[in-house]
Amino acid sequence: MVTDEGAERLANCPEAGNLELVDLSYNTLTTNGVAALKWAGIKCAAAEQWAPRGDEYEDNHYLYAGDYE
């Protein structure tokens, strides 16, 4: 799970400028985290962000996204 703190760390990483696209969809970024990446010139996809609710089951539900046959 990537938070705003993680996005800021990535934005401050000199090597991040070599990335073509960072897909951070299905994480816990807010507009601040996305803005930090854009400010640093990092192209990112950030669809379907969510906020923890304090319920253990609901907060871990994101782990089951995708095709799990």
PDB file of N, CA and C in Angstrom:
ATOM      1  N   MET A   1       0.854  -1.162   0.000  1.00  0.00           N
ATOM      2  CA  MET A   1       0.000   0.000   0.000  1.00  0.00           C
ATOM      3  C   MET A   1       0.903   1.229   0.000  1.00  0.00           C
ATOM      4  N   VAL A   2       0.637   2.148  -0.920  1.00  0.00           N
ATOM      5  CA  VAL A   2       1.417   3.381  -1.012  1.00  0.00           C
ATOM      6  C   VAL A   2       0.586   4.534  -0.466  1.00  0.00           C
ATOM      7  N   THR A   3       1.164   5.252   0.469  1.00  0.00           N
ATOM      8  CA  THR A   3       0.516   6.408   1.088  1.00  0.00           C
ATOM      9  C   THR A   3       1.128   7.689   0.527  1.00  0.00           C
ATOM     10  N   ASP A   4       0.636   8.831   0.995  1.00  0.00           N
ATOM     11  CA  ASP A   4       1.215  10.113   0.597  1.00  0.00           C
ATOM     12  C   ASP A   4       2.686  10.190   0.983  1.00  0.00           C
ATOM     13  N   GLU A   5       3.039   9.629   2.131  1.00  0.00           N
ATOM     14  CA  GLU A   5       4.441   9.630   2.559  1.00  0.00           C
ATOM     15  C   GLU A   5       5.309   8.878   1.551  1.00  0.00           C
ATOM     16  N   GLY A   6       4.825   7.740   1.091  1.00  0.00           N
ATOM     17  CA  GLY A   6       5.566   6.976   0.085  1.00  0.00           C
ATOM     18  C   GLY A   6       5.679   7.726  -1.231  1.00  0.00           C
ATOM     19  N   ALA A   7       4.618   8.418  -1.618  1.00  0.00           N
ATOM     20  CA  ALA A   7       4.648   9.208  -2.850  1.00  0.00           C
ATOM     21  C   ALA A   7       5.663  10.337  -2.737  1.00  0.00           C
ATOM     22  N   GLU A   8       5.738  10.966  -1.582  1.00  0.00           N
ATOM     23  CA  GLU A   8       6.706  12.042  -1.375  1.00  0.00           C
ATOM     24  C   GLU A   8       8.138  11.509  -1.410  1.00  0.00           C
ATOM     25  N   ARG A   9       8.347  10.331  -0.850  1.00  0.00           N
ATOM     26  CA  ARG A   9       9.684   9.725  -0.907  1.00  0.00           C
ATOM     27  C   ARG A   9      10.071   9.426  -2.352  1.00  0.00           C
ATOM     28  N   LEU A  10       9.134   8.897  -3.111  1.00  0.00           N
ATOM     29  CA  LEU A  10       9.396   8.618  -4.517  1.00  0.00           C
ATOM     30  C   LEU A  10       9.664   9.909  -5.278  1.00  0.00           C
ATOM     31  N   ALA A  11       8.898  10.942  -5.003  1.00  0.00           N
ATOM     32  CA  ALA A  11       9.070  12.229  -5.676  1.00  0.00           C
ATOM     33  C   ALA A  11      10.447  12.827  -5.399  1.00  0.00           C
ATOM     34  N   ASN A  12      11.024  12.535  -4.249  1.00  0.00           N
ATOM     35  CA  ASN A  12      12.337  13.072  -3.878  1.00  0.00           C
ATOM     36  C   ASN A  12      13.497  12.176  -4.299  1.00  0.00           C
ATOM     37  N   CYS A  13      13.192  11.068  -4.943  1.00  0.00           N
ATOM     38  CA  CYS A  13      14.226  10.129  -5.377  1.00  0.00           C
ATOM     39  C   CYS A  13      14.772  10.562  -6.746  1.00  0.00           C
ATOM     40  N   PRO A  14      16.072  10.827  -6.851  1.00  0.00           N
ATOM     41  CA  PRO A  14      16.639  11.288  -8.123  1.00  0.00           C
ATOM     42  C   PRO A  14      16.431  10.301  -9.279  1.00  0.00           C
ATOM     43  N   GLU A  15      16.451   9.021  -9.001  1.00  0.00           N
ATOM     44  CA  GLU A  15      16.298   8.013 -10.050  1.00  0.00           C
ATOM     45  C   GLU A  15      14.865   7.909 -10.571  1.00  0.00           C
ATOM     46  N   ALA A  16      13.902   8.462  -9.862  1.00  0.00           N
ATOM     47  CA  ALA A  16      12.499   8.355 -10.270  1.00  0.00           C
ATOM     48  C   ALA A  16      12.244   9.033 -11.607  1.00  0.00           C
ATOM     49  N   GLY A  17      13.082   9.984 -11.974  1.00  0.00           N
ATOM     50  CA  GLY A  17      12.924  10.650 -13.259  1.00  0.00           C
ATOM     51  C   GLY A  17      13.132   9.725 -14.444  1.00  0.00           C
ATOM     52  N   ASN A  18      13.725   8.562 -14.222  1.00  0.00           N
ATOM     53  CA  ASN A  18      13.950   7.592 -15.295  1.00  0.00           C
ATOM     54  C   ASN A  18      12.732   6.713 -15.561  1.00  0.00           C
ATOM     55  N   LEU A  19      11.729   6.781 -14.706  1.00  0.00           N
ATOM     56  CA  LEU A  19      10.543   5.944 -14.867  1.00  0.00           C
ATOM     57  C   LEU A  19       9.624   6.523 -15.937  1.00  0.00           C
ATOM     58  N   GLU A  20       9.071   5.665 -16.779  1.00  0.00           N
ATOM     59  CA  GLU A  20       8.140   6.116 -17.808  1.00  0.00           C
ATOM     60  C   GLU A  20       6.751   6.345 -17.231  1.00  0.00           C
ATOM     61  N   LEU A  21       6.302   5.447 -16.387  1.00  0.00           N
ATOM     62  CA  LEU A  21       4.973   5.534 -15.782  1.00  0.00           C
ATOM     63  C   LEU A  21       4.971   4.718 -14.497  1.00  0.00           C
ATOM     64  N   VAL A  22       4.381   5.266 -13.459  1.00  0.00           N
ATOM     65  CA  VAL A  22       4.225   4.554 -12.192  1.00  0.00           C
ATOM     66  C   VAL A  22       2.732   4.340 -11.991  1.00  0.00           C
ATOM     67  N   ASP A  23       2.309   3.082 -11.918  1.00  0.00           N
ATOM     68  CA  ASP A  23       0.890   2.780 -11.708  1.00  0.00           C
ATOM     69  C   ASP A  23       0.657   2.569 -10.213  1.00  0.00           C
ATOM     70  N   LEU A  24       0.050   3.558  -9.584  1.00  0.00           N
ATOM     71  CA  LEU A  24      -0.244   3.500  -8.151  1.00  0.00           C
ATOM     72  C   LEU A  24      -1.740   3.384  -7.891  1.00  0.00           C
ATOM     73  N   SER A  25      -2.447   2.792  -8.827  1.00  0.00           N
ATOM     74  CA  SER A  25      -3.878   2.571  -8.651  1.00  0.00           C
ATOM     75  C   SER A  25      -4.113   1.631  -7.475  1.00  0.00           C
ATOM     76  N   TYR A  26      -5.268   1.759  -6.849  1.00  0.00           N
ATOM     77  CA  TYR A  26      -5.676   0.905  -5.723  1.00  0.00           C
ATOM     78  C   TYR A  26      -4.735   1.034  -4.520  1.00  0.00           C
ATOM     79  N   ASN A  27      -4.393   2.261  -4.160  1.00  0.00           N
ATOM     80  CA  ASN A  27      -3.583   2.543  -2.981  1.00  0.00           C
ATOM     81  C   ASN A  27      -4.318   3.549  -2.114  1.00  0.00           C
ATOM     82  N   THR A  28      -3.610   4.221  -1.224  1.00  0.00           N
ATOM     83  CA  THR A  28      -4.251   5.180  -0.317  1.00  0.00           C
ATOM     84  C   THR A  28      -3.736   6.599  -0.520  1.00  0.00           C
ATOM     85  N   LEU A  29      -3.475   6.964  -1.761  1.00  0.00           N
ATOM     86  CA  LEU A  29      -3.007   8.317  -2.054  1.00  0.00           C
ATOM     87  C   LEU A  29      -4.153   9.315  -1.987  1.00  0.00           C
ATOM     88  N   THR A  30      -3.835  10.508  -1.540  1.00  0.00           N
ATOM     89  CA  THR A  30      -4.786  11.617  -1.612  1.00  0.00           C
ATOM     90  C   THR A  30      -4.316  12.529  -2.737  1.00  0.00           C
ATOM     91  N   THR A  31      -5.027  13.612  -2.945  1.00  0.00           N
ATOM     92  CA  THR A  31      -4.616  14.559  -3.981  1.00  0.00           C
ATOM     93  C   THR A  31      -3.237  15.135  -3.680  1.00  0.00           C
ATOM     94  N   ASN A  32      -2.868  15.222  -2.410  1.00  0.00           N
ATOM     95  CA  ASN A  32      -1.536  15.724  -2.042  1.00  0.00           C
ATOM     96  C   ASN A  32      -0.427  14.792  -2.536  1.00  0.00           C
ATOM     97  N   GLY A  33      -0.622  13.508  -2.383  1.00  0.00           N
ATOM     98  CA  GLY A  33       0.382  12.546  -2.843  1.00  0.00           C
ATOM     99  C   GLY A  33       0.537  12.554  -4.351  1.00  0.00           C
ATOM    100  N   VAL A  34      -0.581  12.606  -5.053  1.00  0.00           N
ATOM    101  CA  VAL A  34      -0.545  12.656  -6.518  1.00  0.00           C
ATOM    102  C   VAL A  34       0.111  13.956  -6.978  1.00  0.00           C
ATOM    103  N   ALA A  35      -0.205  15.053  -6.309  1.00  0.00           N
ATOM    104  CA  ALA A  35       0.381  16.354  -6.666  1.00  0.00           C
ATOM    105  C   ALA A  35       1.896  16.352  -6.466  1.00  0.00           C
ATOM    106  N   ALA A  36       2.377  15.696  -5.419  1.00  0.00           N
ATOM    107  CA  ALA A  36       3.822  15.625  -5.176  1.00  0.00           C
ATOM    108  C   ALA A  36       4.524  14.910  -6.322  1.00  0.00           C
ATOM    109  N   LEU A  37       3.910  13.849  -6.818  1.00  0.00           N
ATOM    110  CA  LEU A  37       4.502  13.116  -7.936  1.00  0.00           C
ATOM    111  C   LEU A  37       4.497  13.952  -9.207  1.00  0.00           C
ATOM    112  N   LYS A  38       3.385  14.609  -9.473  1.00  0.00           N
ATOM    113  CA  LYS A  38       3.301  15.450 -10.675  1.00  0.00           C
ATOM    114  C   LYS A  38       4.279  16.610 -10.595  1.00  0.00           C
ATOM    115  N   TRP A  39       4.426  17.206  -9.410  1.00  0.00           N
ATOM    116  CA  TRP A  39       5.360  18.309  -9.219  1.00  0.00           C
ATOM    117  C   TRP A  39       6.786  17.872  -9.538  1.00  0.00           C
ATOM    118  N   ALA A  40       7.099  16.613  -9.209  1.00  0.00           N
ATOM    119  CA  ALA A  40       8.432  16.069  -9.463  1.00  0.00           C
ATOM    120  C   ALA A  40       8.600  15.607 -10.905  1.00  0.00           C
ATOM    121  N   GLY A  41       7.546  15.716 -11.711  1.00  0.00           N
ATOM    122  CA  GLY A  41       7.621  15.309 -13.108  1.00  0.00           C
ATOM    123  C   GLY A  41       7.463  13.823 -13.324  1.00  0.00           C
ATOM    124  N   ILE A  42       6.888  13.129 -12.355  1.00  0.00           N
ATOM    125  CA  ILE A  42       6.684  11.686 -12.457  1.00  0.00           C
ATOM    126  C   ILE A  42       5.279  11.427 -12.984  1.00  0.00           C
ATOM    127  N   LYS A  43       5.194  10.766 -14.133  1.00  0.00           N
ATOM    128  CA  LYS A  43       3.898  10.425 -14.710  1.00  0.00           C
ATOM    129  C   LYS A  43       3.347   9.218 -13.954  1.00  0.00           C
ATOM    130  N   CYS A  44       2.127   9.361 -13.428  1.00  0.00           N
ATOM    131  CA  CYS A  44       1.565   8.254 -12.660  1.00  0.00           C
ATOM    132  C   CYS A  44       0.087   8.062 -12.961  1.00  0.00           C
ATOM    133  N   ALA A  45      -0.341   6.819 -12.816  1.00  0.00           N
ATOM    134  CA  ALA A  45      -1.756   6.463 -12.851  1.00  0.00           C
ATOM    135  C   ALA A  45      -2.163   6.252 -11.400  1.00  0.00           C
ATOM    136  N   ALA A  46      -3.280   6.829 -11.005  1.00  0.00           N
ATOM    137  CA  ALA A  46      -3.683   6.742  -9.595  1.00  0.00           C
ATOM    138  C   ALA A  46      -5.192   6.561  -9.465  1.00  0.00           C
ATOM    139  N   ALA A  47      -5.732   5.611 -10.199  1.00  0.00           N
ATOM    140  CA  ALA A  47      -7.175   5.364 -10.158  1.00  0.00           C
ATOM    141  C   ALA A  47      -7.558   4.569  -8.909  1.00  0.00           C
ATOM    142  N   GLU A  48      -8.798   4.721  -8.502  1.00  0.00           N
ATOM    143  CA  GLU A  48      -9.396   3.900  -7.435  1.00  0.00           C
ATOM    144  C   GLU A  48      -8.631   3.947  -6.110  1.00  0.00           C
ATOM    145  N   GLN A  49      -8.355   5.126  -5.617  1.00  0.00           N
ATOM    146  CA  GLN A  49      -7.729   5.261  -4.301  1.00  0.00           C
ATOM    147  C   GLN A  49      -8.791   5.050  -3.224  1.00  0.00           C
ATOM    148  N   TRP A  50      -8.390   4.607  -2.058  1.00  0.00           N
ATOM    149  CA  TRP A  50      -9.337   4.374  -0.964  1.00  0.00           C
ATOM    150  C   TRP A  50      -8.732   4.871   0.341  1.00  0.00           C
ATOM    151  N   ALA A  51      -9.573   5.065   1.301  1.00  0.00           N
ATOM    152  CA  ALA A  51      -9.135   5.530   2.619  1.00  0.00           C
ATOM    153  C   ALA A  51      -9.454   4.463   3.659  1.00  0.00           C
ATOM    154  N   PRO A  52      -8.490   4.098   4.509  1.00  0.00           N
ATOM    155  CA  PRO A  52      -8.758   3.126   5.572  1.00  0.00           C
ATOM    156  C   PRO A  52      -9.926   3.589   6.447  1.00  0.00           C
ATOM    157  N   ARG A  53     -10.766   2.635   6.856  1.00  0.00           N
ATOM    158  CA  ARG A  53     -11.969   2.954   7.633  1.00  0.00           C
ATOM    159  C   ARG A  53     -11.868   2.563   9.098  1.00  0.00           C
ATOM    160  N   GLY A  54     -10.800   1.844   9.462  1.00  0.00           N
ATOM    161  CA  GLY A  54     -10.678   1.405  10.842  1.00  0.00           C
ATOM    162  C   GLY A  54     -11.275   0.030  11.087  1.00  0.00           C
ATOM    163  N   ASP A  55     -11.834  -0.589  10.050  1.00  0.00           N
ATOM    164  CA  ASP A  55     -12.397  -1.931  10.147  1.00  0.00           C
ATOM    165  C   ASP A  55     -11.403  -2.890   9.483  1.00  0.00           C
ATOM    166  N   GLU A  56     -10.891  -3.852  10.241  1.00  0.00           N
ATOM    167  CA  GLU A  56      -9.835  -4.717   9.737  1.00  0.00           C
ATOM    168  C   GLU A  56     -10.233  -5.430   8.449  1.00  0.00           C
ATOM    169  N   TYR A  57     -11.455  -5.966   8.380  1.00  0.00           N
ATOM    170  CA  TYR A  57     -11.892  -6.672   7.178  1.00  0.00           C
ATOM    171  C   TYR A  57     -11.959  -5.728   5.988  1.00  0.00           C
ATOM    172  N   GLU A  58     -12.613  -4.603   6.151  1.00  0.00           N
ATOM    173  CA  GLU A  58     -12.755  -3.644   5.057  1.00  0.00           C
ATOM    174  C   GLU A  58     -11.406  -3.066   4.643  1.00  0.00           C
ATOM    175  N   ASP A  59     -10.541  -2.804   5.595  1.00  0.00           N
ATOM    176  CA  ASP A  59      -9.243  -2.226   5.271  1.00  0.00           C
ATOM    177  C   ASP A  59      -8.352  -3.208   4.515  1.00  0.00           C
ATOM    178  N   ASN A  60      -8.528  -4.494   4.707  1.00  0.00           N
ATOM    179  CA  ASN A  60      -7.736  -5.493   3.993  1.00  0.00           C
ATOM    180  C   ASN A  60      -8.408  -5.972   2.714  1.00  0.00           C
ATOM    181  N   HIS A  61      -9.618  -5.524   2.456  1.00  0.00           N
ATOM    182  CA  HIS A  61     -10.368  -5.972   1.281  1.00  0.00           C
ATOM    183  C   HIS A  61      -9.635  -5.646  -0.020  1.00  0.00           C
ATOM    184  N   TYR A  62      -8.876  -4.553  -0.044  1.00  0.00           N
ATOM    185  CA  TYR A  62      -8.155  -4.174  -1.258  1.00  0.00           C
ATOM    186  C   TYR A  62      -7.166  -5.254  -1.696  1.00  0.00           C
ATOM    187  N   LEU A  63      -6.741  -6.110  -0.781  1.00  0.00           N
ATOM    188  CA  LEU A  63      -5.796  -7.163  -1.121  1.00  0.00           C
ATOM    189  C   LEU A  63      -6.387  -8.179  -2.087  1.00  0.00           C
ATOM    190  N   TYR A  64      -7.701  -8.220  -2.182  1.00  0.00           N
ATOM    191  CA  TYR A  64      -8.375  -9.224  -2.992  1.00  0.00           C
ATOM    192  C   TYR A  64      -8.844  -8.688  -4.335  1.00  0.00           C
ATOM    193  N   ALA A  65      -8.383  -7.519  -4.727  1.00  0.00           N
ATOM    194  CA  ALA A  65      -8.762  -6.951  -6.020  1.00  0.00           C
ATOM    195  C   ALA A  65      -8.052  -7.715  -7.132  1.00  0.00           C
ATOM    196  N   GLY A  66      -8.718  -7.870  -8.244  1.00  0.00           N
ATOM    197  CA  GLY A  66      -8.105  -8.515  -9.396  1.00  0.00           C
ATOM    198  C   GLY A  66      -8.656  -9.905  -9.626  1.00  0.00           C
ATOM    199  N   ASP A  67      -8.008 -10.632 -10.488  1.00  0.00           N
ATOM    200  CA  ASP A  67      -8.436 -11.972 -10.869  1.00  0.00           C
ATOM    201  C   ASP A  67      -7.681 -12.987 -10.021  1.00  0.00           C
ATOM    202  N   TYR A  68      -8.386 -13.682  -9.170  1.00  0.00           N
ATOM    203  CA  TYR A  68      -7.731 -14.631  -8.266  1.00  0.00           C
ATOM    204  C   TYR A  68      -8.315 -16.022  -8.426  1.00  0.00           C
ATOM    205  N   GLU A  69      -8.068 -16.639  -9.551  1.00  0.00           N
ATOM    206  CA  GLU A  69      -8.588 -17.983  -9.792  1.00  0.00           C
ATOM    207  C   GLU A  69      -7.834 -19.015  -9.010  1.00  0.00           C
TER     208      GLU A  69
END
